[in-house]
C-alpha atoms as a PDB file:
ATOM      1  CA  MET A   1     -13.001  21.102   2.661  1.00  0.00           C
ATOM      2  CA  THR A   2     -14.796  18.493   1.700  1.00  0.00           C
ATOM      3  CA  LEU A   3     -14.378  15.126   2.414  1.00  0.00           C
ATOM      4  CA  GLU A   4     -13.004  14.099  -1.050  1.00  0.00           C
ATOM      5  CA  ALA A   5     -10.423  16.842  -0.446  1.00  0.00           C
ATOM      6  CA  ASN A   6      -9.642  15.670   2.714  1.00  0.00           C
ATOM      7  CA  THR A   7      -9.510  11.772   1.774  1.00  0.00           C
ATOM      8  CA  ALA A   8      -7.235  13.093  -1.106  1.00  0.00           C
ATOM      9  CA  VAL A   9      -4.530  14.671   1.575  1.00  0.00           C
ATOM     10  CA  VAL A  10      -4.830  11.615   3.247  1.00  0.00           C
ATOM     11  CA  ARG A  11      -3.881   9.262   0.163  1.00  0.00           C
ATOM     12  CA  ARG A  12      -1.389  11.711  -0.902  1.00  0.00           C
ATOM     13  CA  PHE A  13       1.054  10.507   2.317  1.00  0.00           C
ATOM     14  CA  ILE A  14       0.635   7.783   2.318  1.00  0.00           C
ATOM     15  CA  ASP A  15       1.870   7.472  -1.285  1.00  0.00           C
ATOM     16  CA  GLU A  16       4.784  10.526  -0.814  1.00  0.00           C
ATOM     17  CA  VAL A  17       5.376  10.605   3.258  1.00  0.00           C
ATOM     18  CA  PHE A  18       5.253   6.652   3.936  1.00  0.00           C
ATOM     19  CA  VAL A  19       5.834   4.328   0.617  1.00  0.00           C
ATOM     20  CA  ALA A  20       8.410   6.896  -1.528  1.00  0.00           C
ATOM     21  CA  ARG A  21       9.514   8.383   1.651  1.00  0.00           C
ATOM     22  CA  ARG A  22      10.179  11.844   0.592  1.00  0.00           C
ATOM     23  CA  GLU A  23      10.811  14.624   3.012  1.00  0.00           C
ATOM     24  CA  ASP A  24       9.628  17.362   1.001  1.00  0.00           C
ATOM     25  CA  ALA A  25       5.937  16.327   1.406  1.00  0.00           C
ATOM     26  CA  ILE A  26       6.374  16.305   5.042  1.00  0.00           C
ATOM     27  CA  GLU A  27       6.636  20.385   3.975  1.00  0.00           C
ATOM     28  CA  THR A  28       3.491  19.873   1.741  1.00  0.00           C
ATOM     29  CA  LEU A  29       0.854  18.357   3.351  1.00  0.00           C
ATOM     30  CA  LEU A  30       1.380  18.821   7.095  1.00  0.00           C
ATOM     31  CA  HIS A  31       0.126  21.322   9.118  1.00  0.00           C
ATOM     32  CA  GLU A  32       3.053  23.397  10.325  1.00  0.00           C
ATOM     33  CA  ASP A  33       1.256  22.878  14.240  1.00  0.00           C
ATOM     34  CA  PHE A  34       0.909  18.731  13.077  1.00  0.00           C
ATOM     35  CA  VAL A  35       1.199  16.294  16.352  1.00  0.00           C
ATOM     36  CA  GLY A  36       2.005  12.967  16.459  1.00  0.00           C
ATOM     37  CA  HIS A  37      -0.214  11.367  19.090  1.00  0.00           C
ATOM     38  CA  THR A  38       2.107   7.439  18.277  1.00  0.00           C
ATOM     39  CA  TRP A  39       4.811   7.857  17.377  1.00  0.00           C
ATOM     40  CA  GLY A  40       6.812   7.883  20.091  1.00  0.00           C
ATOM     41  CA  PRO A  41       6.930   8.160  24.183  1.00  0.00           C
ATOM     42  CA  LYS A  42       5.537  11.811  23.947  1.00  0.00           C
ATOM     43  CA  PRO A  43       3.835  13.150  20.676  1.00  0.00           C
ATOM     44  CA  VAL A  44       6.389  14.335  17.423  1.00  0.00           C
ATOM     45  CA  ASP A  45       6.621  16.964  15.252  1.00  0.00           C
ATOM     46  CA  ARG A  46       7.579  17.030  11.451  1.00  0.00           C
ATOM     47  CA  LEU A  47      11.213  16.692  12.651  1.00  0.00           C
ATOM     48  CA  PHE A  48      11.296  14.094  14.515  1.00  0.00           C
ATOM     49  CA  LEU A  49       9.592  12.796  10.536  1.00  0.00           C
ATOM     50  CA  HIS A  50      12.025  14.327   8.977  1.00  0.00           C
ATOM     51  CA  ASP A  51      14.252  11.478  11.308  1.00  0.00           C
ATOM     52  CA  ALA A  52      11.772   8.579  10.491  1.00  0.00           C
ATOM     53  CA  ILE A  53      11.937   8.608   7.181  1.00  0.00           C
ATOM     54  CA  GLU A  54      15.854   8.538   7.290  1.00  0.00           C
ATOM     55  CA  ARG A  55      15.504   5.444   9.907  1.00  0.00           C
ATOM     56  CA  VAL A  56      13.167   4.041   7.730  1.00  0.00           C
ATOM     57  CA  ASN A  57      15.187   4.351   4.450  1.00  0.00           C
ATOM     58  CA  ALA A  58      17.684   2.783   5.776  1.00  0.00           C
ATOM     59  CA  GLY A  59      15.990  -0.387   7.151  1.00  0.00           C
ATOM     60  CA  LEU A  60      13.211  -1.147   5.148  1.00  0.00           C
ATOM     61  CA  SER A  61      12.874  -1.499   0.858  1.00  0.00           C
ATOM     62  CA  ASP A  62      10.219  -2.159  -1.324  1.00  0.00           C
ATOM     63  CA  VAL A  63       7.171  -0.642   0.827  1.00  0.00           C
ATOM     64  CA  ALA A  64       3.856  -0.968   0.180  1.00  0.00           C
ATOM     65  CA  MET A  65       1.025  -0.004   1.289  1.00  0.00           C
ATOM     66  CA  VAL A  66      -2.307  -1.577   0.011  1.00  0.00           C
ATOM     67  CA  VAL A  67      -5.714   1.450   1.814  1.00  0.00           C
ATOM     68  CA  ALA A  68      -8.488  -1.106   2.229  1.00  0.00           C
ATOM     69  CA  ASP A  69     -11.033   1.130   3.927  1.00  0.00           C
ATOM     70  CA  THR A  70     -11.094   4.301   4.224  1.00  0.00           C
ATOM     71  CA  VAL A  71     -13.797   6.368   6.032  1.00  0.00           C
ATOM     72  CA  ALA A  72     -13.935  10.487   6.362  1.00  0.00           C
ATOM     73  CA  GLU A  73     -16.028  12.577   9.155  1.00  0.00           C
ATOM     74  CA  GLY A  74     -15.777  16.408   9.708  1.00  0.00           C
ATOM     75  CA  ASP A  75     -11.938  17.162   9.663  1.00  0.00           C
ATOM     76  CA  ARG A  76     -10.976  13.379  10.102  1.00  0.00           C
ATOM     77  CA  VAL A  77     -10.027  11.078   8.122  1.00  0.00           C
ATOM     78  CA  ALA A  78      -9.470   6.866   8.977  1.00  0.00           C
ATOM     79  CA  VAL A  79      -7.235   4.386   6.597  1.00  0.00           C
ATOM     80  CA  ARG A  80      -6.970   0.665   7.341  1.00  0.00           C
ATOM     81  CA  LEU A  81      -4.259  -0.804   5.407  1.00  0.00           C
ATOM     82  CA  THR A  82      -2.325  -3.379   4.764  1.00  0.00           C
ATOM     83  CA  SER A  83       1.694  -2.610   4.595  1.00  0.00           C
ATOM     84  CA  ARG A  84       4.825  -4.318   3.577  1.00  0.00           C
ATOM     85  CA  ALA A  85       8.402  -4.233   3.404  1.00  0.00           C
ATOM     86  CA  ARG A  86      11.716  -5.636   3.052  1.00  0.00           C
ATOM     87  CA  GLN A  87      14.258  -5.636   5.508  1.00  0.00           C
ATOM     88  CA  THR A  88      17.797  -4.777   4.584  1.00  0.00           C
ATOM     89  CA  GLY A  89      19.177  -2.797   7.053  1.00  0.00           C
ATOM     90  CA  GLU A  90      19.178  -2.282  10.827  1.00  0.00           C
ATOM     91  CA  LEU A  91      15.558  -1.601  12.094  1.00  0.00           C
ATOM     92  CA  MET A  92      14.033  -0.174  16.253  1.00  0.00           C
ATOM     93  CA  GLY A  93      18.023  -1.754  17.379  1.00  0.00           C
ATOM     94  CA  MET A  94      17.440  -5.238  15.156  1.00  0.00           C
ATOM     95  CA  PRO A  95      19.738  -6.673  12.629  1.00  0.00           C
ATOM     96  CA  ALA A  96      18.990  -6.356   8.605  1.00  0.00           C
ATOM     97  CA  THR A  97      17.409 -10.136   7.628  1.00  0.00           C
ATOM     98  CA  GLY A  98      16.057  -9.722   4.430  1.00  0.00           C
ATOM     99  CA  ARG A  99      13.309 -10.964   5.098  1.00  0.00           C
ATOM    100  CA  THR A 100       9.881  -9.731   4.240  1.00  0.00           C
ATOM    101  CA  TYR A 101       6.244  -8.589   6.566  1.00  0.00           C
ATOM    102  CA  GLU A 102       2.897  -7.890   5.925  1.00  0.00           C
ATOM    103  CA  ILE A 103       0.770  -6.653   8.441  1.00  0.00           C
ATOM    104  CA  GLU A 104      -2.520  -4.638   9.170  1.00  0.00           C
ATOM    105  CA  GLU A 105      -2.670  -0.538   9.973  1.00  0.00           C
ATOM    106  CA  MET A 106      -4.965   1.620  11.839  1.00  0.00           C
ATOM    107  CA  HIS A 107      -4.684   4.463  10.841  1.00  0.00           C
ATOM    108  CA  TRP A 108      -6.556   8.279  11.988  1.00  0.00           C
ATOM    109  CA  PHE A 109      -6.316  12.228  10.285  1.00  0.00           C
ATOM    110  CA  ARG A 110      -7.258  15.581  11.488  1.00  0.00           C
ATOM    111  CA  ILE A 111      -7.233  17.867   8.544  1.00  0.00           C
ATOM    112  CA  ALA A 112      -7.126  21.738   9.181  1.00  0.00           C
ATOM    113  CA  ASP A 113      -5.994  24.653   6.571  1.00  0.00           C
ATOM    114  CA  GLY A 114      -6.097  21.055   3.768  1.00  0.00           C
ATOM    115  CA  ARG A 115      -3.101  19.899   5.926  1.00  0.00           C
ATOM    116  CA  ILE A 116      -2.774  17.378   8.117  1.00  0.00           C
ATOM    117  CA  ARG A 117      -2.808  18.730  11.876  1.00  0.00           C
ATOM    118  CA  GLU A 118      -2.351  15.510  13.712  1.00  0.00           C
ATOM    119  CA  HIS A 119      -1.999  11.724  13.667  1.00  0.00           C
ATOM    120  CA  TRP A 120      -2.480   8.653  15.679  1.00  0.00           C
ATOM    121  CA  HIS A 121      -1.629   5.391  14.091  1.00  0.00           C
ATOM    122  CA  VAL A 122      -2.372   1.217  15.296  1.00  0.00           C
ATOM    123  CA  ALA A 123       0.114  -1.407  14.175  1.00  0.00           C
ATOM    124  CA  ASP A 124       0.357  -4.986  14.809  1.00  0.00           C
ATOM    125  CA  LEU A 125       4.330  -5.056  15.075  1.00  0.00           C
ATOM    126  CA  ALA A 126       4.421  -7.845  17.119  1.00  0.00           C
ATOM    127  CA  GLY A 127       3.808  -9.338  14.130  1.00  0.00           C
ATOM    128  CA  MET A 128       5.986  -7.452  12.058  1.00  0.00           C
ATOM    129  CA  PHE A 129       8.878  -9.051  14.527  1.00  0.00           C
ATOM    130  CA  ARG A 130       7.924 -12.401  14.432  1.00  0.00           C
ATOM    131  CA  GLN A 131       7.921 -12.609  10.703  1.00  0.00           C
ATOM    132  CA  LEU A 132      11.017 -10.666  10.332  1.00  0.00           C
ATOM    133  CA  GLY A 133      12.537 -13.561  13.187  1.00  0.00           C
ATOM    134  CA  ALA A 134      12.765 -11.020  16.261  1.00  0.00           C
ATOM    135  CA  ARG A 135      13.650 -13.876  19.540  1.00  0.00           C
ATOM    136  CA  SER A 136      12.067 -12.465  22.742  1.00  0.00           C
ATOM    137  CA  GLY A 137      13.426 -12.654  26.663  1.00  0.00           C
END
């Protein structure tokens, strides 16, 4: 696959899975042996992502992601983006606040056979919880 094709797969994944939260896109865009390395205490698979979308649908509205930078080399694509959403339901154990957050995120993808095979990410979750009004200790 070309760098342009790999980048297009990643853009579709961000738009269709993360933003539109289309569960059917998971089957289309993720490799059957997909591994998400940073979504929990252990690597996760496509089934986990289906469950995560259900939780996000219950907790967030008005989701948007704006890609600032994309870098592609070989079978890897890295994306820096800003994500924004409004918390309208329970999210990670926190009751709905109605507040909006905006944070920076980095995502790294490995593409195999035209589909996303692996994913890693880093997000400013502390900033997200602070904006949503979470109180510490």
